Structures are given as structure tokens and as C-alpha cells.
Amino acid sequence: MHHPQRRADLVVFLAVLLTGVVLVLCGVRPETVSTIAIGLSTLYAAWHRRDEDSK
């Protein structure tokens, strides 16, 4: 049984994680990276909620 939403959640999680790692390796302060990660996760949560409301 396929779970497309779980797959999308995994892809988003890995994308945010990879973005954080790349930013830290490029010298961005960890506080800034955490702010970016929170912003991205908030945007994803809003998008996910909108998707559920349309069902």
C-alpha cells in the first residue's frame, strides 16, 4: 500500500535537513539555520493543512 503523503513528508524532512547541513557547512550561524528551518516547516504545515481542507 502506497502512502503518497508520508512520502511527501519524508521528502520535505530530508530537504530541510539537507538545507540545514549545507548552510552550516557554508558558514551560516546555527541560529539562522534554525530560524530558516522553522520558517520552512511552518510553510509546509500551512500547505499541508490547505491540502487536507480541500479533500
N, C-alpha and C. Protein backbone atom coordinates (compact mmCIF):
# COMPACT_ATOMS: atom_id res chain seq x y z
N MET A 1 0.84 -1.18 0.00
CA MET A 1 0.00 0.00 0.00
C MET A 1 0.88 1.25 0.00
N HIS A 2 0.60 2.15 -0.92
CA HIS A 2 1.41 3.36 -1.04
C HIS A 2 0.81 4.48 -0.21
N HIS A 3 1.67 5.26 0.38
CA HIS A 3 1.27 6.41 1.17
C HIS A 3 1.93 7.65 0.60
N PRO A 4 1.30 8.28 -0.39
CA PRO A 4 1.96 9.44 -1.02
C PRO A 4 2.21 10.58 -0.05
N GLN A 5 1.32 10.78 0.94
CA GLN A 5 1.53 11.87 1.89
C GLN A 5 2.73 11.60 2.77
N ARG A 6 2.90 10.36 3.21
CA ARG A 6 4.06 10.02 4.04
C ARG A 6 5.35 10.20 3.25
N ARG A 7 5.30 9.87 1.97
CA ARG A 7 6.48 10.04 1.11
C ARG A 7 6.80 11.53 0.96
N ALA A 8 5.77 12.35 0.79
CA ALA A 8 5.98 13.79 0.68
C ALA A 8 6.55 14.34 1.98
N ASP A 9 6.05 13.86 3.12
CA ASP A 9 6.59 14.30 4.41
C ASP A 9 8.06 13.94 4.54
N LEU A 10 8.43 12.75 4.10
CA LEU A 10 9.83 12.32 4.16
C LEU A 10 10.70 13.18 3.26
N VAL A 11 10.22 13.48 2.08
CA VAL A 11 10.99 14.31 1.14
C VAL A 11 11.21 15.70 1.72
N VAL A 12 10.16 16.27 2.31
CA VAL A 12 10.28 17.60 2.90
C VAL A 12 11.25 17.58 4.07
N PHE A 13 11.14 16.57 4.92
CA PHE A 13 12.05 16.45 6.07
C PHE A 13 13.49 16.37 5.60
N LEU A 14 13.76 15.52 4.63
CA LEU A 14 15.13 15.37 4.13
C LEU A 14 15.62 16.65 3.45
N ALA A 15 14.74 17.35 2.75
CA ALA A 15 15.14 18.59 2.09
C ALA A 15 15.53 19.65 3.12
N VAL A 16 14.74 19.77 4.19
CA VAL A 16 15.05 20.75 5.23
C VAL A 16 16.34 20.36 5.95
N LEU A 17 16.50 19.07 6.23
CA LEU A 17 17.72 18.60 6.88
C LEU A 17 18.95 18.86 6.01
N LEU A 18 18.86 18.53 4.75
CA LEU A 18 19.98 18.76 3.84
C LEU A 18 20.29 20.24 3.69
N THR A 19 19.25 21.06 3.60
CA THR A 19 19.46 22.50 3.52
C THR A 19 20.19 23.01 4.75
N GLY A 20 19.80 22.53 5.92
CA GLY A 20 20.47 22.94 7.16
C GLY A 20 21.93 22.53 7.18
N VAL A 21 22.21 21.32 6.75
CA VAL A 21 23.60 20.85 6.73
C VAL A 21 24.44 21.69 5.77
N VAL A 22 23.90 21.95 4.60
CA VAL A 22 24.64 22.74 3.60
C VAL A 22 24.88 24.15 4.12
N LEU A 23 23.88 24.75 4.74
CA LEU A 23 24.05 26.10 5.26
C LEU A 23 25.10 26.15 6.37
N VAL A 24 25.09 25.18 7.26
CA VAL A 24 26.09 25.14 8.33
C VAL A 24 27.49 24.96 7.73
N LEU A 25 27.62 24.08 6.75
CA LEU A 25 28.92 23.86 6.11
C LEU A 25 29.41 25.10 5.36
N CYS A 26 28.47 25.95 4.93
CA CYS A 26 28.84 27.19 4.24
C CYS A 26 29.14 28.32 5.20
N GLY A 27 29.03 28.04 6.50
CA GLY A 27 29.40 29.04 7.48
C GLY A 27 28.25 29.86 8.05
N VAL A 28 27.02 29.48 7.75
CA VAL A 28 25.87 30.20 8.30
C VAL A 28 25.72 29.82 9.77
N ARG A 29 25.43 30.80 10.61
CA ARG A 29 25.29 30.54 12.05
C ARG A 29 24.14 29.58 12.32
N PRO A 30 24.30 28.66 13.27
CA PRO A 30 23.24 27.69 13.58
C PRO A 30 21.91 28.35 13.97
N GLU A 31 21.95 29.52 14.62
CA GLU A 31 20.72 30.21 14.99
C GLU A 31 19.93 30.61 13.75
N THR A 32 20.64 31.04 12.73
CA THR A 32 20.00 31.42 11.48
C THR A 32 19.41 30.20 10.79
N VAL A 33 20.15 29.10 10.82
CA VAL A 33 19.67 27.87 10.21
C VAL A 33 18.39 27.39 10.90
N SER A 34 18.34 27.48 12.23
CA SER A 34 17.14 27.06 12.94
C SER A 34 15.96 27.95 12.59
N THR A 35 16.19 29.24 12.42
CA THR A 35 15.12 30.15 12.01
C THR A 35 14.59 29.79 10.63
N ILE A 36 15.49 29.49 9.72
CA ILE A 36 15.09 29.08 8.37
C ILE A 36 14.30 27.77 8.42
N ALA A 37 14.76 26.81 9.20
CA ALA A 37 14.08 25.53 9.31
C ALA A 37 12.67 25.69 9.89
N ILE A 38 12.54 26.54 10.89
CA ILE A 38 11.21 26.80 11.46
C ILE A 38 10.30 27.44 10.42
N GLY A 39 10.83 28.38 9.69
CA GLY A 39 10.04 29.02 8.63
C GLY A 39 9.59 28.03 7.56
N LEU A 40 10.52 27.18 7.13
CA LEU A 40 10.16 26.18 6.11
C LEU A 40 9.13 25.19 6.63
N SER A 41 9.29 24.76 7.87
CA SER A 41 8.33 23.80 8.41
C SER A 41 6.96 24.43 8.61
N THR A 42 6.92 25.72 8.95
CA THR A 42 5.65 26.43 9.07
C THR A 42 4.95 26.54 7.71
N LEU A 43 5.72 26.86 6.69
CA LEU A 43 5.15 26.93 5.35
C LEU A 43 4.62 25.57 4.91
N TYR A 44 5.36 24.51 5.19
CA TYR A 44 4.90 23.18 4.82
C TYR A 44 3.64 22.80 5.58
N ALA A 45 3.58 23.14 6.87
CA ALA A 45 2.39 22.82 7.66
C ALA A 45 1.17 23.56 7.11
N ALA A 46 1.34 24.81 6.72
CA ALA A 46 0.23 25.57 6.14
C ALA A 46 -0.21 24.94 4.81
N TRP A 47 0.75 24.54 4.00
CA TRP A 47 0.43 23.90 2.72
C TRP A 47 -0.25 22.56 2.94
N HIS A 48 0.23 21.81 3.91
CA HIS A 48 -0.35 20.50 4.22
C HIS A 48 -1.78 20.65 4.73
N ARG A 49 -2.02 21.64 5.56
CA ARG A 49 -3.37 21.88 6.08
C ARG A 49 -4.31 22.28 4.96
N ARG A 50 -3.84 23.12 4.04
CA ARG A 50 -4.65 23.55 2.90
C ARG A 50 -5.03 22.36 2.04
N ASP A 51 -4.07 21.44 1.87
CA ASP A 51 -4.31 20.24 1.08
C ASP A 51 -5.37 19.36 1.73
N GLU A 52 -5.34 19.22 3.05
CA GLU A 52 -6.32 18.40 3.76
C GLU A 52 -7.70 19.05 3.72
N ASP A 53 -7.77 20.38 3.77
CA ASP A 53 -9.06 21.08 3.75
C ASP A 53 -9.76 20.93 2.42
N SER A 54 -9.00 20.74 1.34
CA SER A 54 -9.60 20.62 0.02
C SER A 54 -10.18 19.23 -0.25
N LYS A 55 -9.92 18.27 0.64
CA LYS A 55 -10.43 16.91 0.44
C LYS A 55 -11.87 16.79 0.87
